[in-house]
Amino acid sequence: MGIYDFTIYDFICRNAEINKNRDCLVFNDKRIGFFDYKTKVDHFAAGLTKNGINKGDRIAVVAHNSADYMVLYGAAAKIGAIVLTVNWRFQQDEVEFVLKDCTPKIVFTGESFQSSVLDVAANVPSIKKCALIGPGSPQNDIPRFDDFYTEEGADSVFTIDANDGFVIIHTAAVEGYPRGALLSQANLVYTNVLSMLQFNLTKEDCYLGFLPLFHVAGLTQALALMHAGGKHVITERFDPGETLDLLQQEKGTIFFSFAPILGSILDQLEAGSYDISSLKYVGGMESRDNIERLMKHAPQAMFHTGFAQTEAMGVSRAPYTERPGSAGKPSALTRVKLFDDYDNEVPVGTPGEICVQSPTVFLGYWGLEEDTAYTFRNGWHHTGDIGKFDEDGYLWYVKRKAQKELIKPGGENVYPAEVEKAILGHQAIAEVSVIGVPDPKWGEAIKAICVLQSGQQVSAEELTAFVGEKIARYKKPQQVVFVDALPKTDSGEIDRDQIKKDHGGKY
């Protein structure tokens, strides 16, 4: 750490000194205090360096949530390694692409993913070792997470710049392939400060961590609570009953939600008897109906809504009741301007591309210098999303730019191009256009409008199953319709706007 730096490992050390006996992590029947967490981080970091992991090297993780996952994050921060988080919903080909894209030296796999990860690792020359992370039994004699702990070298000091890369999170596939967004330690520290400010986080708070730790929302909220000295209660995967039990037992104060999470929690709450009086904040993306149901059952809790993306994290936020339907106001460390297609600023009330300057903006796309330069043109991060400001400075989300059209089923990012590519792999399909349509449970659903090859037949069920074998199952279409032809523009391209009008797509 330099005089003017402050890294993730620095706040780990700070908490070990001032909050050492307070709970840092709770996972299953284990409770880890802040001092013990730093000790684990130090010993695991020493084990990583002993295994040839140095500053800038990538460490991949394909696993459900666990306390080990958080130890790995801390150890990587200490030595300056970069964590490559892999969505465990990915199909094997997708996992292989991500690993080849970022060339990790080591892959930590959860018990459920060992077979596929070991198969993939054999095809990725950079990978020198696979190891088990989290609970379970290892296959093929691969080492366990605990095997990396060592006291030798645990007190080593590393020179790490806050602007060094810390984590790579692959965003949805714009042109059929996902892009790895590289976030720095400083990006996360600034995001922590914003969360502490926006949610008044203190050491008395308790975060219910059921969002996956490979996701930027799961990671940022976990680190923010840790930075504040609060307690992070980790669950492997989301379960509404377990969430309510833990909220009651651990006096949970905050969680984040993407459809259909909050709805299922409220359904469980209404069917049982739970004390949720400790809950203070819920953030995320949810329907008006579910937000109002939450306010009825937990009037003391405040729902926060906003605009965010992996590349810039929390751009804007406000309590839902402050300006219902808006994405709030730009955060305290963020400048937002709206530009037209020629990068001219648009006036209040006029839609334009949401562009951002902030210390939370990512470093760039891994290995894609041209994409990064285009995204950062004219000194602004161009999000690819369209919004407008009202007279009071609230940001209103409008739609996505055509070249970056995105569908968000249950908070996940899905680009139509990736789904279209998978569908066109079926011999019966001649043309296809994939759009997002409103869905009461998931927020948005994926709909495929298909044209069959002459003389070919395939059912909607068969096509959906085919796609689910090619890409992550959450990316497969929930609705498939067959038409004789797709509308075209004067230039001969598929007219997506007309398709949305004809088939109920969102703008």
Protein backbone atom coordinates (compact mmCIF):
# COMPACT_ATOMS: atom_id res chain seq x y z
CA MET A 1 0.00 0.00 0.00
CA GLY A 2 1.28 3.45 -0.93
CA ILE A 3 0.66 6.54 1.20
CA TYR A 4 -2.35 7.45 -0.94
CA ASP A 5 -3.63 3.93 -1.62
CA PHE A 6 -6.32 1.94 0.11
CA THR A 7 -6.96 -1.63 -1.03
CA ILE A 8 -9.32 -4.47 -0.21
CA TYR A 9 -6.63 -6.09 1.93
CA ASP A 10 -6.21 -2.80 3.80
CA PHE A 11 -9.80 -2.83 5.07
CA ILE A 12 -9.41 -6.51 5.92
CA CYS A 13 -6.45 -5.52 8.13
CA ARG A 14 -8.36 -2.57 9.57
CA ASN A 15 -11.30 -4.75 10.61
CA ALA A 16 -8.99 -7.37 12.11
CA GLU A 17 -7.72 -4.62 14.42
CA ILE A 18 -10.92 -2.78 15.37
CA ASN A 19 -13.61 -5.45 14.96
CA LYS A 20 -11.53 -8.57 15.56
CA ASN A 21 -13.99 -10.54 17.71
CA ARG A 22 -17.13 -9.59 15.81
CA ASP A 23 -18.66 -12.01 13.30
CA CYS A 24 -17.38 -11.44 9.79
CA LEU A 25 -18.76 -14.52 8.00
CA VAL A 26 -21.46 -17.01 8.93
CA PHE A 27 -21.75 -20.11 6.77
CA ASN A 28 -23.70 -23.22 7.75
CA ASP A 29 -22.56 -23.97 11.32
CA LYS A 30 -19.33 -21.94 11.12
CA ARG A 31 -18.79 -18.41 12.41
CA ILE A 32 -15.59 -16.60 11.47
CA GLY A 33 -14.55 -13.39 13.23
CA PHE A 34 -12.69 -10.56 11.51
CA PHE A 35 -9.33 -11.43 13.10
CA ASP A 36 -9.70 -15.09 12.16
CA TYR A 37 -10.78 -14.09 8.64
CA LYS A 38 -7.57 -12.09 8.13
CA THR A 39 -5.56 -15.02 9.48
CA LYS A 40 -7.19 -17.34 6.95
CA VAL A 41 -6.57 -14.81 4.18
CA ASP A 42 -2.88 -14.52 5.12
CA HIS A 43 -2.36 -18.29 5.28
CA PHE A 44 -4.24 -18.92 2.06
CA ALA A 45 -2.36 -16.14 0.26
CA ALA A 46 0.88 -17.81 1.32
CA GLY A 47 -0.40 -21.09 -0.11
CA LEU A 48 -1.28 -19.45 -3.41
CA THR A 49 2.20 -17.96 -3.80
CA LYS A 50 3.70 -21.34 -2.88
CA ASN A 51 1.69 -22.76 -5.78
CA GLY A 52 3.11 -20.23 -8.23
CA ILE A 53 0.34 -17.61 -8.15
CA ASN A 54 1.76 -14.10 -8.42
CA LYS A 55 0.54 -10.56 -8.99
CA GLY A 56 -1.65 -10.37 -12.11
CA ASP A 57 -2.15 -14.14 -12.41
CA ARG A 58 -5.73 -15.30 -12.83
CA ILE A 59 -7.50 -17.66 -10.43
CA ALA A 60 -10.77 -19.09 -11.74
CA VAL A 61 -13.72 -20.14 -9.57
CA VAL A 62 -16.71 -22.24 -10.64
CA ALA A 63 -18.67 -22.77 -7.44
CA HIS A 64 -21.66 -21.97 -5.29
CA ASN A 65 -21.29 -19.50 -2.42
CA SER A 66 -19.20 -20.46 0.60
CA ALA A 67 -16.95 -18.93 3.24
CA ASP A 68 -14.01 -20.29 1.21
CA TYR A 69 -15.06 -18.10 -1.71
CA MET A 70 -14.68 -14.99 0.47
CA VAL A 71 -11.30 -16.18 1.78
CA LEU A 72 -10.14 -16.61 -1.82
CA TYR A 73 -11.23 -13.08 -2.67
CA GLY A 74 -9.28 -11.72 0.30
CA ALA A 75 -6.14 -13.73 -0.47
CA ALA A 76 -6.17 -12.67 -4.11
CA ALA A 77 -6.49 -9.04 -3.02
CA LYS A 78 -3.47 -9.38 -0.75
CA ILE A 79 -1.11 -10.75 -3.43
CA GLY A 80 -2.58 -8.84 -6.36
CA ALA A 81 -3.94 -11.87 -8.21
CA ILE A 82 -7.09 -11.55 -10.33
CA VAL A 83 -10.15 -13.67 -9.55
CA LEU A 84 -11.95 -14.95 -12.65
CA THR A 85 -15.49 -15.61 -11.47
CA VAL A 86 -17.35 -18.08 -13.69
CA ASN A 87 -21.14 -18.30 -13.77
CA TRP A 88 -21.89 -21.84 -12.59
CA ARG A 89 -25.00 -21.86 -14.79
CA PHE A 90 -22.81 -21.84 -17.91
CA GLN A 91 -22.74 -24.91 -20.12
CA GLN A 92 -19.39 -26.67 -20.52
CA ASP A 93 -18.53 -24.94 -23.82
CA GLU A 94 -19.18 -21.54 -22.23
CA VAL A 95 -16.96 -22.35 -19.25
CA GLU A 96 -14.21 -23.44 -21.64
CA PHE A 97 -14.48 -20.19 -23.60
CA VAL A 98 -14.20 -18.07 -20.44
CA LEU A 99 -11.19 -20.02 -19.17
CA LYS A 100 -9.38 -19.86 -22.52
CA ASP A 101 -10.19 -16.15 -22.73
CA CYS A 102 -8.44 -15.30 -19.45
CA THR A 103 -5.85 -18.11 -19.11
CA PRO A 104 -5.97 -18.84 -15.35
CA LYS A 105 -3.22 -20.88 -13.70
CA ILE A 106 -5.55 -22.58 -11.26
CA VAL A 107 -9.27 -23.37 -11.12
CA PHE A 108 -11.24 -23.85 -7.92
CA THR A 109 -14.37 -25.91 -8.48
CA GLY A 110 -17.35 -26.61 -6.29
CA GLU A 111 -18.32 -30.22 -5.66
CA SER A 112 -21.21 -30.15 -8.16
CA PHE A 113 -19.03 -28.95 -11.03
CA GLN A 114 -15.92 -31.09 -10.65
CA SER A 115 -16.51 -33.47 -13.56
CA SER A 116 -17.20 -30.76 -16.13
CA VAL A 117 -14.44 -28.47 -14.84
CA LEU A 118 -11.86 -31.26 -14.91
CA ASP A 119 -12.88 -32.10 -18.48
CA VAL A 120 -12.62 -28.46 -19.54
CA ALA A 121 -9.31 -27.88 -17.74
CA ALA A 122 -7.70 -30.58 -19.86
CA ASN A 123 -8.36 -28.35 -22.90
CA VAL A 124 -6.96 -25.13 -21.38
CA PRO A 125 -3.12 -25.14 -21.49
CA SER A 126 -2.72 -22.34 -18.93
CA ILE A 127 -4.35 -24.36 -16.12
CA LYS A 128 -1.75 -26.07 -13.94
CA LYS A 129 -3.99 -27.26 -11.11
CA CYS A 130 -7.64 -27.84 -10.17
CA ALA A 131 -8.83 -27.81 -6.55
CA LEU A 132 -12.05 -28.21 -4.59
CA ILE A 133 -13.63 -25.14 -2.96
CA GLY A 134 -16.45 -25.21 -0.43
CA PRO A 135 -18.02 -28.28 1.17
CA GLY A 136 -17.94 -31.73 -0.41
CA SER A 137 -15.54 -34.45 -1.48
CA PRO A 138 -12.84 -34.06 -4.14
CA GLN A 139 -12.64 -36.22 -7.27
CA ASN A 140 -9.51 -37.61 -8.92
CA ASP A 141 -7.42 -36.76 -5.83
CA ILE A 142 -7.50 -33.03 -6.52
CA PRO A 143 -6.50 -30.96 -3.47
CA ARG A 144 -9.03 -29.41 -1.12
CA PHE A 145 -9.21 -25.71 -0.39
CA ASP A 146 -7.82 -26.30 3.12
CA ASP A 147 -4.71 -27.95 1.63
CA PHE A 148 -3.50 -24.51 0.50
CA TYR A 149 -3.30 -23.00 3.97
CA THR A 150 0.26 -22.55 5.23
CA GLU A 151 1.89 -20.45 7.93
CA GLU A 152 5.15 -20.20 6.00
CA GLY A 153 5.15 -16.78 4.33
CA ALA A 154 1.84 -15.73 5.90
CA ASP A 155 3.42 -12.49 7.14
CA SER A 156 4.80 -11.56 3.70
CA VAL A 157 4.16 -8.01 2.49
CA PHE A 158 3.12 -7.31 -1.10
CA THR A 159 3.19 -4.00 -2.98
CA ILE A 160 -0.25 -3.66 -4.51
CA ASP A 161 -1.67 -0.60 -6.25
CA ALA A 162 -5.34 0.10 -5.65
CA ASN A 163 -5.78 0.43 -9.42
CA ASP A 164 -4.48 -3.09 -10.06
CA GLY A 165 -6.98 -5.55 -11.52
CA PHE A 166 -8.89 -7.62 -8.97
CA VAL A 167 -11.75 -9.49 -10.60
CA ILE A 168 -12.92 -10.38 -14.12
CA ILE A 169 -16.66 -10.79 -14.57
CA HIS A 170 -17.87 -11.84 -18.00
CA THR A 171 -20.80 -9.81 -19.21
CA ALA A 172 -23.41 -11.06 -21.65
CA ALA A 173 -22.33 -11.90 -25.19
CA VAL A 174 -22.83 -8.85 -27.42
CA GLU A 175 -21.76 -10.59 -30.64
CA GLY A 176 -22.12 -14.19 -29.56
CA TYR A 177 -19.19 -14.24 -27.11
CA PRO A 178 -19.05 -12.87 -23.53
CA ARG A 179 -16.59 -10.09 -22.70
CA GLY A 180 -14.57 -10.08 -19.49
CA ALA A 181 -14.99 -6.83 -17.54
CA LEU A 182 -11.86 -6.17 -15.45
CA LEU A 183 -12.56 -4.37 -12.16
CA SER A 184 -9.82 -2.92 -9.97
CA GLN A 185 -9.49 -3.02 -6.21
CA ALA A 186 -10.15 0.73 -6.18
CA ASN A 187 -13.38 0.21 -8.14
CA LEU A 188 -14.64 -2.06 -5.37
CA VAL A 189 -13.41 0.14 -2.50
CA TYR A 190 -15.19 3.20 -3.94
CA THR A 191 -18.31 1.10 -4.47
CA ASN A 192 -18.10 0.03 -0.83
CA VAL A 193 -18.00 3.64 0.29
CA LEU A 194 -21.04 4.46 -1.84
CA SER A 195 -23.00 1.52 -0.41
CA MET A 196 -22.06 2.49 3.14
CA LEU A 197 -23.26 6.02 2.44
CA GLN A 198 -26.47 5.06 0.63
CA PHE A 199 -27.55 2.36 3.08
CA ASN A 200 -26.05 3.83 6.27
CA LEU A 201 -24.10 0.61 6.78
CA THR A 202 -22.33 0.06 10.08
CA LYS A 203 -20.81 -2.80 12.05
CA GLU A 204 -24.32 -3.51 13.40
CA ASP A 205 -25.64 -4.51 9.98
CA CYS A 206 -26.15 -8.05 8.72
CA TYR A 207 -26.21 -8.89 5.00
CA LEU A 208 -28.07 -11.98 3.78
CA GLY A 209 -25.77 -13.19 1.02
CA PHE A 210 -27.77 -15.47 -1.24
CA LEU A 211 -26.92 -13.70 -4.51
CA PRO A 212 -24.15 -15.64 -6.27
CA LEU A 213 -20.64 -14.41 -5.52
CA PHE A 214 -19.75 -14.64 -9.21
CA HIS A 215 -22.25 -11.83 -9.84
CA VAL A 216 -21.22 -8.20 -9.43
CA ALA A 217 -24.19 -7.50 -7.13
CA GLY A 218 -23.33 -10.42 -4.85
CA LEU A 219 -19.65 -9.45 -4.71
CA THR A 220 -20.12 -5.71 -4.18
CA GLN A 221 -22.63 -6.06 -1.37
CA ALA A 222 -20.54 -8.70 0.40
CA LEU A 223 -17.46 -6.46 0.30
CA ALA A 224 -19.42 -3.37 1.35
CA LEU A 225 -20.74 -5.10 4.49
CA MET A 226 -17.28 -6.42 5.26
CA HIS A 227 -15.75 -2.96 4.79
CA ALA A 228 -18.35 -1.53 7.18
CA GLY A 229 -17.50 -4.19 9.78
CA GLY A 230 -20.88 -5.89 9.44
CA LYS A 231 -21.82 -9.56 9.31
CA HIS A 232 -22.18 -11.50 6.06
CA VAL A 233 -24.46 -14.53 6.33
CA ILE A 234 -23.68 -16.75 3.35
CA THR A 235 -26.00 -19.29 1.76
CA GLU A 236 -24.89 -21.60 -1.04
CA ARG A 237 -27.97 -20.84 -3.13
CA PHE A 238 -31.17 -18.89 -2.65
CA ASP A 239 -34.03 -20.55 -0.80
CA PRO A 240 -36.94 -18.40 0.47
CA GLY A 241 -37.54 -20.44 3.63
CA GLU A 242 -33.86 -20.52 4.56
CA THR A 243 -33.60 -16.78 3.87
CA LEU A 244 -36.45 -15.98 6.25
CA ASP A 245 -35.09 -18.35 8.91
CA LEU A 246 -31.67 -16.68 8.73
CA LEU A 247 -33.16 -13.19 8.64
CA GLN A 248 -34.95 -13.99 11.88
CA GLN A 249 -32.07 -15.85 13.58
CA GLU A 250 -29.22 -13.52 12.56
CA LYS A 251 -31.21 -10.26 12.71
CA GLY A 252 -30.63 -9.57 9.03
CA THR A 253 -30.83 -5.92 8.03
CA ILE A 254 -30.22 -5.91 4.28
CA PHE A 255 -30.43 -8.05 1.16
CA PHE A 256 -30.57 -7.54 -2.60
CA SER A 257 -33.16 -8.97 -4.93
CA PHE A 258 -33.76 -9.74 -8.58
CA ALA A 259 -37.04 -11.16 -9.84
CA PRO A 260 -38.43 -13.55 -8.73
CA ILE A 261 -36.54 -13.51 -5.39
CA LEU A 262 -38.59 -10.96 -3.45
CA GLY A 263 -41.88 -12.43 -4.66
CA SER A 264 -40.94 -15.91 -3.44
CA ILE A 265 -39.77 -14.51 -0.07
CA LEU A 266 -43.09 -12.69 0.37
CA ASP A 267 -45.06 -15.79 -0.63
CA GLN A 268 -43.18 -17.79 2.02
CA LEU A 269 -43.65 -15.01 4.57
CA GLU A 270 -47.40 -14.92 4.00
CA ALA A 271 -47.62 -18.70 4.33
CA GLY A 272 -45.73 -18.86 7.64
CA SER A 273 -44.81 -16.92 10.74
CA TYR A 274 -41.52 -14.99 10.74
CA ASP A 275 -40.13 -11.99 12.59
CA ILE A 276 -38.60 -9.66 9.98
CA SER A 277 -38.56 -6.55 12.14
CA SER A 278 -34.75 -6.28 11.85
CA LEU A 279 -34.89 -5.71 8.08
CA LYS A 280 -33.94 -2.14 7.10
CA TYR A 281 -33.05 -2.15 3.42
CA VAL A 282 -33.77 -4.14 0.27
CA GLY A 283 -32.25 -3.16 -3.04
CA GLY A 284 -32.44 -4.37 -6.60
CA MET A 285 -34.87 -4.76 -9.46
CA GLU A 286 -38.45 -5.72 -8.63
CA SER A 287 -42.02 -5.13 -9.74
CA ARG A 288 -44.13 -2.37 -8.21
CA ASP A 289 -46.53 -4.99 -6.79
CA ASN A 290 -43.76 -6.82 -4.88
CA ILE A 291 -42.24 -3.58 -3.60
CA GLU A 292 -45.63 -2.53 -2.25
CA ARG A 293 -46.16 -5.98 -0.70
CA LEU A 294 -42.80 -5.59 1.06
CA MET A 295 -43.79 -2.17 2.37
CA LYS A 296 -46.99 -3.68 3.76
CA HIS A 297 -45.22 -6.51 5.62
CA ALA A 298 -42.10 -4.56 6.60
CA PRO A 299 -43.01 -0.86 6.85
CA GLN A 300 -39.70 -0.18 8.58
CA ALA A 301 -37.75 -1.45 5.55
CA MET A 302 -36.85 0.79 2.62
CA PHE A 303 -36.61 -0.50 -0.95
CA HIS A 304 -33.88 1.12 -3.04
CA THR A 305 -33.94 1.10 -6.81
CA GLY A 306 -31.37 2.37 -9.29
CA PHE A 307 -29.36 1.89 -12.46
CA ALA A 308 -26.23 -0.26 -12.44
CA GLN A 309 -24.12 -2.46 -14.66
CA THR A 310 -21.04 -4.65 -14.20
CA GLU A 311 -18.82 -2.12 -15.96
CA ALA A 312 -19.80 0.85 -13.76
CA MET A 313 -21.55 -0.75 -10.77
CA GLY A 314 -23.97 1.58 -8.94
CA VAL A 315 -24.51 4.56 -11.25
CA SER A 316 -27.67 5.96 -9.62
CA ARG A 317 -29.92 5.04 -6.72
CA ALA A 318 -32.75 6.33 -4.53
CA PRO A 319 -35.43 5.01 -2.20
CA TYR A 320 -38.33 3.72 -4.29
CA THR A 321 -40.82 6.03 -2.57
CA GLU A 322 -38.77 9.12 -3.41
CA ARG A 323 -39.62 9.01 -7.14
CA PRO A 324 -41.44 5.75 -8.01
CA GLY A 325 -40.44 4.37 -11.39
CA SER A 326 -37.20 6.31 -11.67
CA ALA A 327 -33.63 5.00 -11.35
CA GLY A 328 -32.83 7.62 -8.70
CA LYS A 329 -30.15 10.28 -8.87
CA PRO A 330 -26.47 9.83 -9.78
CA SER A 331 -24.45 8.57 -6.84
CA ALA A 332 -22.17 10.81 -4.80
CA LEU A 333 -19.08 9.71 -6.78
CA THR A 334 -20.62 9.63 -10.24
CA ARG A 335 -21.17 12.11 -13.08
CA VAL A 336 -23.81 11.12 -15.61
CA LYS A 337 -24.48 12.77 -18.96
CA LEU A 338 -26.80 11.71 -21.75
CA PHE A 339 -25.51 11.83 -25.33
CA ASP A 340 -27.09 11.33 -28.74
CA ASP A 341 -25.64 9.09 -31.46
CA TYR A 342 -23.13 11.83 -32.35
CA ASP A 343 -21.97 12.24 -28.74
CA ASN A 344 -23.75 15.55 -28.28
CA GLU A 345 -25.31 16.14 -24.87
CA VAL A 346 -29.12 16.10 -24.98
CA PRO A 347 -31.38 18.48 -23.01
CA VAL A 348 -33.48 17.56 -19.96
CA GLY A 349 -36.40 15.32 -20.89
CA THR A 350 -34.75 14.04 -24.08
CA PRO A 351 -33.58 10.40 -24.24
CA GLY A 352 -29.86 9.80 -24.71
CA GLU A 353 -27.19 7.20 -24.01
CA ILE A 354 -26.28 7.02 -20.31
CA CYS A 355 -22.57 7.89 -20.06
CA VAL A 356 -20.56 7.85 -16.85
CA GLN A 357 -17.43 9.24 -15.24
CA SER A 358 -16.66 7.68 -11.85
CA PRO A 359 -13.91 5.90 -9.90
CA THR A 360 -16.24 2.89 -10.03
CA VAL A 361 -15.91 2.55 -13.83
CA PHE A 362 -14.10 -0.66 -14.78
CA LEU A 363 -10.59 -0.86 -16.28
CA GLY A 364 -11.74 -2.31 -19.59
CA TYR A 365 -12.62 -5.53 -21.40
CA TRP A 366 -10.01 -8.24 -21.00
CA GLY A 367 -7.96 -8.56 -24.19
CA LEU A 368 -10.31 -6.32 -26.20
CA GLU A 369 -8.54 -2.99 -26.62
CA GLU A 370 -10.74 -1.76 -29.49
CA ASP A 371 -13.96 -2.54 -27.62
CA THR A 372 -12.60 -0.75 -24.55
CA ALA A 373 -11.50 2.30 -26.52
CA TYR A 374 -14.90 2.57 -28.19
CA THR A 375 -16.71 2.22 -24.87
CA PHE A 376 -14.49 4.92 -23.30
CA ARG A 377 -14.57 7.35 -26.26
CA ASN A 378 -14.39 11.08 -25.51
CA GLY A 379 -13.51 10.42 -21.88
CA TRP A 380 -16.87 8.88 -20.93
CA HIS A 381 -17.92 5.30 -20.29
CA HIS A 382 -20.78 4.61 -22.70
CA THR A 383 -23.18 2.15 -21.07
CA GLY A 384 -25.20 1.27 -24.17
CA ASP A 385 -28.41 2.13 -22.29
CA ILE A 386 -30.81 4.96 -23.02
CA GLY A 387 -32.23 7.17 -20.28
CA LYS A 388 -33.59 10.64 -19.68
CA PHE A 389 -33.40 13.16 -16.85
CA ASP A 390 -36.39 14.96 -15.40
CA GLU A 391 -36.32 18.55 -14.16
CA ASP A 392 -35.39 17.39 -10.62
CA GLY A 393 -32.34 15.40 -11.72
CA TYR A 394 -33.86 11.93 -11.48
CA LEU A 395 -32.71 9.44 -14.11
CA TRP A 396 -35.38 7.46 -15.95
CA TYR A 397 -34.45 4.29 -17.81
CA VAL A 398 -35.87 4.18 -21.37
CA LYS A 399 -34.39 1.26 -23.32
CA ARG A 400 -31.16 -0.27 -24.60
CA LYS A 401 -29.32 0.87 -27.68
CA ALA A 402 -29.98 -1.41 -30.64
CA GLN A 403 -26.39 -2.67 -30.90
CA LYS A 404 -26.38 -3.54 -27.21
CA GLU A 405 -29.89 -4.85 -26.80
CA LEU A 406 -30.18 -6.86 -23.64
CA ILE A 407 -32.73 -9.13 -21.99
CA LYS A 408 -32.70 -9.53 -18.19
CA PRO A 409 -34.55 -12.64 -16.99
CA GLY A 410 -34.25 -12.75 -13.20
CA GLY A 411 -31.41 -10.20 -13.11
CA GLU A 412 -29.14 -12.14 -15.47
CA ASN A 413 -27.88 -10.49 -18.67
CA VAL A 414 -28.71 -12.19 -21.95
CA TYR A 415 -27.88 -10.70 -25.34
CA PRO A 416 -30.18 -11.74 -28.20
CA ALA A 417 -27.21 -12.35 -30.51
CA GLU A 418 -25.94 -15.21 -28.33
CA VAL A 419 -29.33 -16.93 -28.23
CA GLU A 420 -29.85 -16.37 -31.96
CA LYS A 421 -26.48 -17.95 -32.69
CA ALA A 422 -27.43 -21.05 -30.68
CA ILE A 423 -30.85 -21.33 -32.39
CA LEU A 424 -29.33 -21.00 -35.86
CA GLY A 425 -27.18 -24.01 -35.02
CA HIS A 426 -30.30 -26.15 -35.48
CA GLN A 427 -30.63 -27.44 -39.02
CA ALA A 428 -34.35 -26.64 -39.18
CA ILE A 429 -33.97 -22.89 -38.59
CA ALA A 430 -33.43 -20.45 -41.47
CA GLU A 431 -33.81 -17.14 -39.64
CA VAL A 432 -34.52 -15.99 -36.10
CA SER A 433 -34.98 -12.86 -34.05
CA VAL A 434 -34.83 -12.99 -30.25
CA ILE A 435 -36.51 -10.32 -28.12
CA GLY A 436 -37.39 -9.70 -24.49
CA VAL A 437 -41.03 -9.69 -23.43
CA PRO A 438 -42.62 -8.74 -20.10
CA ASP A 439 -42.90 -11.59 -17.62
CA PRO A 440 -44.69 -11.32 -14.24
CA LYS A 441 -42.33 -13.74 -12.48
CA TRP A 442 -38.90 -13.09 -14.00
CA GLY A 443 -39.32 -9.46 -15.06
CA GLU A 444 -38.41 -10.32 -18.65
CA ALA A 445 -38.66 -13.53 -20.65
CA ILE A 446 -36.84 -14.57 -23.83
CA LYS A 447 -38.97 -14.98 -26.95
CA ALA A 448 -37.70 -16.41 -30.25
CA ILE A 449 -39.46 -15.67 -33.53
CA CYS A 450 -38.29 -18.28 -36.03
CA VAL A 451 -38.49 -19.03 -39.75
CA LEU A 452 -38.09 -22.70 -40.72
CA GLN A 453 -35.91 -23.99 -43.51
CA SER A 454 -37.94 -25.23 -46.48
CA GLY A 455 -39.09 -28.79 -45.83
CA GLN A 456 -37.88 -28.81 -42.18
CA GLN A 457 -39.88 -29.15 -38.97
CA VAL A 458 -39.05 -28.75 -35.28
CA SER A 459 -41.31 -28.18 -32.29
CA ALA A 460 -40.92 -25.31 -29.84
CA GLU A 461 -40.11 -27.83 -27.09
CA GLU A 462 -37.43 -29.54 -29.19
CA LEU A 463 -35.83 -26.23 -30.13
CA THR A 464 -35.82 -24.98 -26.53
CA ALA A 465 -34.18 -28.21 -25.35
CA PHE A 466 -31.58 -27.92 -28.13
CA VAL A 467 -30.64 -24.38 -27.06
CA GLY A 468 -30.45 -25.43 -23.39
CA GLU A 469 -27.71 -27.90 -24.34
CA LYS A 470 -25.65 -25.25 -26.13
CA ILE A 471 -25.74 -22.31 -23.70
CA ALA A 472 -26.71 -21.74 -20.06
CA ARG A 473 -30.28 -22.83 -19.44
CA TYR A 474 -31.37 -19.39 -18.21
CA LYS A 475 -30.60 -18.14 -21.74
CA LYS A 476 -32.94 -20.51 -23.57
CA PRO A 477 -36.22 -19.03 -24.89
CA GLN A 478 -39.32 -19.38 -22.75
CA GLN A 479 -41.47 -18.67 -25.78
CA VAL A 480 -40.99 -19.83 -29.39
CA VAL A 481 -43.19 -18.88 -32.32
CA PHE A 482 -42.84 -19.82 -35.99
CA VAL A 483 -43.62 -17.37 -38.79
CA ASP A 484 -43.43 -17.53 -42.59
CA ALA A 485 -41.04 -14.57 -42.80
CA LEU A 486 -39.39 -11.89 -40.67
CA PRO A 487 -39.95 -8.21 -41.51
CA LYS A 488 -36.97 -6.48 -43.13
CA THR A 489 -35.75 -2.89 -43.35
CA ASP A 490 -35.03 -1.15 -46.65
CA SER A 491 -31.42 -2.30 -46.34
CA GLY A 492 -32.51 -5.92 -46.05
CA GLU A 493 -31.75 -6.32 -42.34
CA ILE A 494 -34.22 -7.89 -39.90
CA ASP A 495 -36.50 -5.13 -38.58
CA ARG A 496 -36.30 -5.69 -34.84
CA ASP A 497 -38.53 -2.73 -34.00
CA GLN A 498 -41.34 -4.12 -36.12
CA ILE A 499 -40.86 -7.58 -34.59
CA LYS A 500 -41.22 -6.06 -31.12
CA LYS A 501 -44.42 -4.32 -32.18
CA ASP A 502 -45.79 -7.55 -33.65
CA HIS A 503 -44.75 -9.87 -30.83
CA GLY A 504 -45.00 -7.82 -27.62
CA GLY A 505 -41.35 -7.00 -27.09
CA LYS A 506 -40.08 -4.45 -24.56
CA TYR A 507 -38.34 -1.25 -25.60
